[in-house]
Amino acid sequence: MEINAVGLDIGTMFLQSARDDGKGGVLFNTVRDCFRELEYDAEFEDTLHTQGAHYIKADGKLYVLGNDAYLQAGMAEFGAALKPGQDIVEILKRPMKDGILNPDSPKTALVILRELMRACIEKEVGVARPEEIMYFSIPADPVDSLINNVFHSKMAEQYLTSLGYNAKALGEGLAVIYSENPKMHAPDGLIPFTGIGISMGAGQCNFCLAERGIPMDEFSVARSGDWIDMNAARMTGQPKTKVTRIKERQLDFNKIDQTSEVVMALECYYNELVNYVFGIFAKRFAGNKGSIDHPIDVIISGGTASPSGFDRRVRTLIEKMNLPFKVNEVRMAKDMMRSVAKGCYLRAKQAAKKAMLAKEVIK
């Protein structure tokens, strides 16, 4: 019997899926998690349709989605006529905020996020196959905010189930553990899937301490890449989408371009973020009453951690911390952007194999 499984990383900046392609391989898809809201125009809709752009029509408006929206927003910024007090960042919107469904416009956000999830999962593979198991990522509740993921998690589970998947939630930090397999370095051998997994996305930074793949502690910090972009945009007076582009394409901590005002602002707020996030990390584990007897690995993933040289900064900071355990190594995930989706997929594959074996026993 063919085993089919799918993992979905529901990120604030990107949606990432990993799915059996039906040919013995795994297909990864990426969709930018954003949209542009435009007043309905029949002629413009014809243009979008003819050009194969990703869009939907709802409530008398057109919503251009994903990378098409991102590209459009960049062009629109040149000709944007702003009203007094209006922020140019409004040209591009997100169905998610701070790692969960955007509470500012939940109805619109829900419709758009559902369409983006469907498109990300089904691209090049198609609709759900019989009894296909899916694990999707959810953030842990943050320690520095009152927001929680209950509605976000249930919304995703209900919608993905309605598409025909046996859908289950998986903590974002735990997905990194499954994907990267950190180890405890004990005297009598390595203990797999034991250590700390960190996912630094756009909305939140997620942490998970696991032992043999079982989560011992999961939490998040409600400050990450979007916080950097927002503050750098305000400091420089540049559109947030432009700041994001520069961060993704030009930021290199090994060689900071001091002639670029945006790069200098990004470095400033990156430093603030790292000190804040890993300060909470240190306090969280310093207050833990348990004990970790042997050195463990710490794995970091996510788009916010992707710029070259970021790993060195974090590694230096962690080495200076007075943690109640020893760290064997701090390393970056093998694939920073796909780590969470891969971890969800591997967990789904494991569950699918177990279900198949159970059926064989019954026979």
Protein backbone atom coordinates (compact mmCIF):
# COMPACT_ATOMS: atom_id res chain seq x y z
CA MET A 1 0.00 0.00 0.00
CA GLU A 2 1.28 3.45 -0.92
CA ILE A 3 1.87 5.75 2.03
CA ASN A 4 0.81 9.35 1.53
CA ALA A 5 1.62 12.14 3.95
CA VAL A 6 1.83 15.91 3.97
CA GLY A 7 3.36 18.53 6.25
CA LEU A 8 2.29 22.16 6.27
CA ASP A 9 4.08 25.09 7.88
CA ILE A 10 1.48 27.85 8.34
CA GLY A 11 3.88 30.75 8.63
CA THR A 12 3.16 34.47 8.91
CA MET A 13 5.46 35.32 5.99
CA PHE A 14 5.37 32.07 4.00
CA LEU A 15 3.34 28.89 3.74
CA GLN A 16 5.54 25.83 3.14
CA SER A 17 4.29 22.35 2.30
CA ALA A 18 6.07 19.00 1.99
CA ARG A 19 4.09 16.20 0.40
CA ASP A 20 4.53 12.79 -1.20
CA ASP A 21 4.42 13.44 -4.92
CA GLY A 22 3.05 9.99 -5.82
CA LYS A 23 6.30 9.08 -7.59
CA GLY A 24 8.40 8.10 -4.60
CA GLY A 25 9.66 11.60 -3.86
CA VAL A 26 8.76 14.57 -1.68
CA LEU A 27 7.55 17.80 -3.24
CA PHE A 28 8.11 21.12 -1.44
CA ASN A 29 5.97 24.14 -2.27
CA THR A 30 6.23 27.72 -1.05
CA VAL A 31 3.54 30.41 -1.12
CA ARG A 32 4.06 33.94 0.16
CA ASP A 33 1.42 34.55 2.85
CA CYS A 34 0.07 37.94 1.76
CA PHE A 35 -2.53 39.71 -0.38
CA ARG A 36 -3.53 43.00 -2.00
CA GLU A 37 -7.09 44.24 -1.62
CA LEU A 38 -8.47 46.13 -4.65
CA GLU A 39 -11.85 47.51 -5.64
CA TYR A 40 -13.56 45.26 -8.16
CA ASP A 41 -12.93 46.05 -11.80
CA ALA A 42 -14.15 43.61 -14.46
CA GLU A 43 -11.46 44.58 -16.96
CA PHE A 44 -8.69 44.15 -14.40
CA GLU A 45 -10.12 40.76 -13.39
CA ASP A 46 -9.97 39.69 -17.05
CA THR A 47 -6.30 40.73 -17.11
CA LEU A 48 -5.53 38.75 -13.93
CA HIS A 49 -7.33 35.70 -15.32
CA THR A 50 -5.60 35.89 -18.72
CA GLN A 51 -2.18 36.21 -17.10
CA GLY A 52 -2.77 33.32 -14.69
CA ALA A 53 -2.43 35.42 -11.55
CA HIS A 54 -3.57 33.96 -8.24
CA TYR A 55 -6.61 35.90 -7.03
CA ILE A 56 -10.09 35.52 -5.60
CA LYS A 57 -13.22 37.67 -5.76
CA ALA A 58 -15.19 38.25 -2.55
CA ASP A 59 -17.54 40.88 -1.12
CA GLY A 60 -17.31 43.00 -4.25
CA LYS A 61 -13.51 43.19 -4.16
CA LEU A 62 -10.54 41.55 -5.83
CA TYR A 63 -7.83 39.99 -3.69
CA VAL A 64 -4.54 39.32 -5.44
CA LEU A 65 -2.70 36.61 -3.51
CA GLY A 66 0.76 35.34 -2.69
CA ASN A 67 3.78 36.23 -4.78
CA ASP A 68 1.60 38.04 -7.33
CA ALA A 69 0.49 40.39 -4.55
CA TYR A 70 4.08 40.85 -3.35
CA LEU A 71 5.29 41.83 -6.82
CA GLN A 72 2.34 44.15 -7.38
CA ALA A 73 2.89 45.89 -4.06
CA GLY A 74 6.51 46.63 -4.91
CA MET A 75 5.45 48.30 -8.17
CA ALA A 76 2.52 50.12 -6.56
CA GLU A 77 4.78 51.78 -4.00
CA PHE A 78 6.29 53.97 -6.75
CA GLY A 79 2.97 55.55 -7.59
CA ALA A 80 1.23 55.43 -4.25
CA ALA A 81 -0.55 58.65 -3.34
CA LEU A 82 -0.68 58.71 0.45
CA LYS A 83 -3.20 60.57 2.52
CA PRO A 84 -1.91 62.44 5.60
CA GLY A 85 -0.97 59.90 8.26
CA GLN A 86 -1.41 56.90 5.96
CA ASP A 87 1.30 54.24 6.09
CA ILE A 88 2.49 52.87 2.77
CA VAL A 89 2.79 49.42 4.31
CA GLU A 90 -1.01 49.07 3.91
CA ILE A 91 -0.50 48.33 0.21
CA LEU A 92 0.41 44.75 1.13
CA LYS A 93 -1.60 42.91 3.78
CA ARG A 94 -1.30 39.61 5.62
CA PRO A 95 -3.95 37.09 6.62
CA MET A 96 -1.76 36.32 9.65
CA LYS A 97 -0.27 38.50 12.35
CA ASP A 98 2.02 37.56 15.25
CA GLY A 99 1.94 33.91 14.15
CA ILE A 100 -1.87 33.53 14.22
CA LEU A 101 -4.91 34.53 12.14
CA ASN A 102 -5.00 38.32 11.81
CA PRO A 103 -7.53 39.59 14.38
CA ASP A 104 -7.83 42.98 12.65
CA SER A 105 -9.95 41.50 9.81
CA PRO A 106 -10.70 37.87 10.78
CA LYS A 107 -13.38 37.21 8.14
CA THR A 108 -11.25 38.34 5.21
CA ALA A 109 -8.11 36.80 6.69
CA LEU A 110 -9.84 33.44 7.09
CA VAL A 111 -11.05 33.31 3.47
CA ILE A 112 -7.64 34.26 2.10
CA LEU A 113 -5.58 32.01 4.39
CA ARG A 114 -7.75 29.04 3.43
CA GLU A 115 -7.19 29.68 -0.27
CA LEU A 116 -3.44 30.09 0.20
CA MET A 117 -3.21 26.87 2.23
CA ARG A 118 -5.16 24.94 -0.39
CA ALA A 119 -3.00 26.28 -3.21
CA CYS A 120 0.23 25.49 -1.36
CA ILE A 121 -0.79 21.90 -0.56
CA GLU A 122 -2.40 20.94 -3.86
CA LYS A 123 0.07 22.46 -6.31
CA GLU A 124 1.41 19.76 -8.68
CA VAL A 125 -0.16 16.95 -6.61
CA GLY A 126 -3.87 17.66 -6.43
CA VAL A 127 -6.58 17.10 -3.86
CA ALA A 128 -6.33 14.92 -0.76
CA ARG A 129 -5.87 11.22 -1.34
CA PRO A 130 -7.76 8.57 0.66
CA GLU A 131 -6.78 8.61 4.36
CA GLU A 132 -3.91 11.04 3.71
CA ILE A 133 -2.42 12.17 7.01
CA MET A 134 -1.33 15.76 7.51
CA TYR A 135 0.49 17.53 10.33
CA PHE A 136 0.40 21.31 10.32
CA SER A 137 2.43 23.69 12.45
CA ILE A 138 1.04 25.85 15.25
CA PRO A 139 2.91 28.35 17.41
CA ALA A 140 3.21 27.86 21.15
CA ASP A 141 1.49 30.43 23.34
CA PRO A 142 3.85 33.38 23.90
CA VAL A 143 5.29 34.16 27.31
CA ASP A 144 5.24 37.92 26.67
CA SER A 145 1.74 38.39 25.24
CA LEU A 146 -1.89 37.49 26.00
CA ILE A 147 -2.52 36.12 22.50
CA ASN A 148 -3.12 32.37 22.18
CA ASN A 149 -3.37 29.91 19.31
CA VAL A 150 -6.64 28.14 20.19
CA PHE A 151 -8.86 29.68 17.50
CA HIS A 152 -6.06 29.67 14.93
CA SER A 153 -5.37 25.96 15.54
CA LYS A 154 -9.03 24.91 15.43
CA MET A 155 -9.68 26.97 12.31
CA ALA A 156 -6.79 25.31 10.48
CA GLU A 157 -7.74 21.82 11.66
CA GLN A 158 -11.40 22.19 10.60
CA TYR A 159 -10.57 23.60 7.18
CA LEU A 160 -7.83 21.09 6.36
CA THR A 161 -10.11 18.26 7.51
CA SER A 162 -12.83 19.60 5.20
CA LEU A 163 -10.38 19.23 2.31
CA GLY A 164 -10.17 15.50 3.06
CA TYR A 165 -7.01 15.26 5.16
CA ASN A 166 -6.62 13.58 8.52
CA ALA A 167 -5.21 16.82 9.91
CA LYS A 168 -3.41 17.22 13.23
CA ALA A 169 -1.49 20.08 14.84
CA LEU A 170 2.22 19.98 15.70
CA GLY A 171 4.15 22.57 17.69
CA GLU A 172 6.46 24.62 15.49
CA GLY A 173 9.52 24.11 17.68
CA LEU A 174 8.84 20.37 17.91
CA ALA A 175 8.67 20.20 14.10
CA VAL A 176 12.27 21.49 14.06
CA ILE A 177 13.22 18.66 16.44
CA TYR A 178 11.73 16.06 14.05
CA SER A 179 13.40 17.65 11.04
CA GLU A 180 16.90 18.26 12.41
CA ASN A 181 17.31 15.51 15.04
CA PRO A 182 19.34 17.26 17.78
CA LYS A 183 21.01 14.92 20.25
CA MET A 184 21.97 14.61 23.86
CA HIS A 185 25.63 13.65 24.12
CA ALA A 186 25.64 11.10 26.94
CA PRO A 187 28.76 9.10 27.97
CA ASP A 188 27.26 5.84 26.74
CA GLY A 189 26.01 7.19 23.40
CA LEU A 190 23.90 9.75 21.58
CA ILE A 191 20.23 10.15 22.49
CA PRO A 192 18.30 11.17 19.33
CA PHE A 193 15.66 13.88 19.01
CA THR A 194 16.80 15.38 22.31
CA GLY A 195 17.64 19.05 22.56
CA ILE A 196 16.17 22.43 21.75
CA GLY A 197 14.50 23.35 18.48
CA ILE A 198 14.00 27.03 17.65
CA SER A 199 11.93 28.43 14.79
CA MET A 200 12.36 32.15 14.13
CA GLY A 201 9.62 33.14 11.72
CA ALA A 202 8.04 36.47 10.90
CA GLY A 203 5.43 36.56 13.68
CA GLN A 204 6.95 34.71 16.62
CA CYS A 205 10.05 32.88 17.81
CA ASN A 206 9.12 29.35 18.89
CA PHE A 207 11.10 27.13 21.28
CA CYS A 208 10.82 23.47 22.16
CA LEU A 209 12.87 21.37 24.57
CA ALA A 210 12.35 17.71 23.70
CA GLU A 211 13.54 14.33 24.96
CA ARG A 212 13.47 11.52 22.38
CA GLY A 213 10.94 13.51 20.35
CA ILE A 214 8.61 14.15 23.30
CA PRO A 215 8.12 17.86 24.13
CA MET A 216 9.16 18.75 27.67
CA ASP A 217 8.63 22.50 27.34
CA GLU A 218 7.21 24.61 24.51
CA PHE A 219 6.86 28.38 24.44
CA SER A 220 7.15 31.34 22.10
CA VAL A 221 8.12 35.00 22.13
CA ALA A 222 5.78 37.41 20.33
CA ARG A 223 8.53 39.33 18.59
CA SER A 224 10.42 38.31 15.46
CA GLY A 225 11.03 39.26 11.83
CA ASP A 226 7.97 41.48 11.36
CA TRP A 227 8.96 43.47 14.42
CA ILE A 228 12.37 44.11 12.85
CA ASP A 229 10.88 45.14 9.49
CA MET A 230 8.26 47.41 11.05
CA ASN A 231 10.75 49.30 13.19
CA ALA A 232 13.37 49.56 10.44
CA ALA A 233 10.69 50.93 8.09
CA ARG A 234 9.65 53.55 10.64
CA MET A 235 13.24 54.56 11.34
CA THR A 236 14.09 55.04 7.65
CA GLY A 237 10.72 56.17 6.30
CA GLN A 238 10.78 53.36 3.75
CA PRO A 239 7.88 51.02 2.86
CA LYS A 240 7.91 47.83 4.86
CA THR A 241 7.88 45.70 1.69
CA LYS A 242 11.08 47.44 0.53
CA VAL A 243 12.72 46.83 3.90
CA THR A 244 11.72 43.15 3.68
CA ARG A 245 13.25 42.86 0.20
CA ILE A 246 16.53 44.37 1.36
CA LYS A 247 16.59 42.06 4.39
CA GLU A 248 16.01 38.98 2.23
CA ARG A 249 18.48 39.92 -0.51
CA GLN A 250 21.23 42.11 0.96
CA LEU A 251 21.59 41.68 4.72
CA ASP A 252 24.85 39.94 5.61
CA PHE A 253 26.13 40.13 9.19
CA ASN A 254 29.58 39.11 8.02
CA LYS A 255 29.84 42.35 6.05
CA ILE A 256 27.38 45.11 6.99
CA ASP A 257 26.85 47.66 4.22
CA GLN A 258 27.29 50.88 6.18
CA THR A 259 26.30 52.98 3.16
CA SER A 260 22.75 51.60 3.29
CA GLU A 261 20.45 53.31 5.77
CA VAL A 262 18.03 50.37 5.67
CA VAL A 263 20.75 47.78 6.30
CA MET A 264 22.03 49.78 9.26
CA ALA A 265 18.50 49.99 10.68
CA LEU A 266 18.00 46.26 10.18
CA GLU A 267 21.22 45.50 12.05
CA CYS A 268 20.13 47.75 14.91
CA TYR A 269 16.79 46.03 15.38
CA TYR A 270 18.25 42.56 14.83
CA ASN A 271 20.54 43.23 17.77
CA GLU A 272 17.57 44.34 19.87
CA LEU A 273 15.59 41.25 18.86
CA VAL A 274 18.37 38.78 19.63
CA ASN A 275 19.02 40.28 23.06
CA TYR A 276 15.31 40.31 23.90
CA VAL A 277 14.40 36.84 22.59
CA PHE A 278 17.40 35.00 23.98
CA GLY A 279 17.18 36.93 27.23
CA ILE A 280 13.74 35.35 27.69
CA PHE A 281 15.20 32.01 26.59
CA ALA A 282 17.83 32.21 29.34
CA LYS A 283 15.32 33.20 32.03
CA ARG A 284 12.91 30.45 31.02
CA PHE A 285 15.44 27.67 31.44
CA ALA A 286 17.13 29.21 34.46
CA GLY A 287 13.79 28.99 36.24
CA ASN A 288 13.28 25.34 35.29
CA LYS A 289 13.42 23.01 38.30
CA GLY A 290 14.37 19.96 36.26
CA SER A 291 17.87 18.86 35.28
CA ILE A 292 19.59 18.06 32.00
CA ASP A 293 22.56 15.89 32.84
CA HIS A 294 24.46 15.89 29.55
CA PRO A 295 25.22 18.39 26.75
CA ILE A 296 22.48 18.93 24.18
CA ASP A 297 22.28 20.43 20.68
CA VAL A 298 20.41 23.65 19.94
CA ILE A 299 18.99 23.96 16.41
CA ILE A 300 17.81 27.25 14.89
CA SER A 301 15.61 27.59 11.80
CA GLY A 302 13.35 30.10 10.10
CA GLY A 303 13.57 33.03 7.73
CA THR A 304 14.47 35.56 10.42
CA ALA A 305 17.57 33.51 11.24
CA SER A 306 18.57 33.14 7.56
CA PRO A 307 20.95 36.10 6.95
CA SER A 308 24.59 35.09 6.69
CA GLY A 309 26.47 35.48 9.97
CA PHE A 310 23.36 35.36 12.15
CA ASP A 311 24.34 31.97 13.56
CA ARG A 312 27.67 33.35 14.79
CA ARG A 313 25.94 36.14 16.72
CA VAL A 314 23.50 33.79 18.40
CA ARG A 315 26.17 31.19 19.15
CA THR A 316 28.36 33.83 20.84
CA LEU A 317 25.42 35.04 22.92
CA ILE A 318 24.37 31.57 24.07
CA GLU A 319 27.95 30.64 24.99
CA LYS A 320 28.00 33.60 27.41
CA MET A 321 24.74 32.60 29.11
CA ASN A 322 24.64 30.99 32.53
CA LEU A 323 22.34 28.14 31.50
CA PRO A 324 21.49 25.21 33.81
CA PHE A 325 22.75 22.77 31.16
CA LYS A 326 25.64 22.42 28.76
CA VAL A 327 25.23 23.08 25.06
CA ASN A 328 27.14 20.74 22.76
CA GLU A 329 26.61 22.89 19.66
CA VAL A 330 24.42 25.65 18.27
CA ARG A 331 23.77 25.09 14.60
CA MET A 332 21.47 26.23 11.84
CA ALA A 333 18.92 23.89 10.26
CA LYS A 334 20.03 22.25 7.02
CA ASP A 335 17.24 24.04 5.16
CA MET A 336 16.27 27.13 7.12
CA MET A 337 13.00 27.84 5.31
CA ARG A 338 11.73 24.27 4.98
CA SER A 339 12.68 22.83 8.35
CA VAL A 340 9.23 23.16 9.97
CA ALA A 341 7.38 21.80 6.92
CA LYS A 342 9.83 18.89 6.71
CA GLY A 343 9.38 18.11 10.41
CA CYS A 344 5.59 18.11 10.02
CA TYR A 345 5.93 15.84 7.00
CA LEU A 346 8.20 13.36 8.80
CA ARG A 347 5.74 13.21 11.71
CA ALA A 348 2.87 12.62 9.26
CA LYS A 349 4.87 9.92 7.47
CA GLN A 350 5.54 8.20 10.79
CA ALA A 351 1.83 8.26 11.64
CA ALA A 352 0.88 7.00 8.17
CA LYS A 353 3.25 4.03 8.45
CA LYS A 354 1.88 3.19 11.89
CA ALA A 355 -1.70 3.29 10.56
CA MET A 356 -0.77 1.07 7.63
CA LEU A 357 0.91 -1.51 9.91
CA ALA A 358 -2.17 -1.53 12.16
CA LYS A 359 -4.33 -2.36 9.15
CA GLU A 360 -2.00 -5.19 8.12
CA VAL A 361 -2.25 -6.70 11.62
CA ILE A 362 -6.05 -6.63 11.46
CA LYS A 363 -5.99 -8.43 8.12
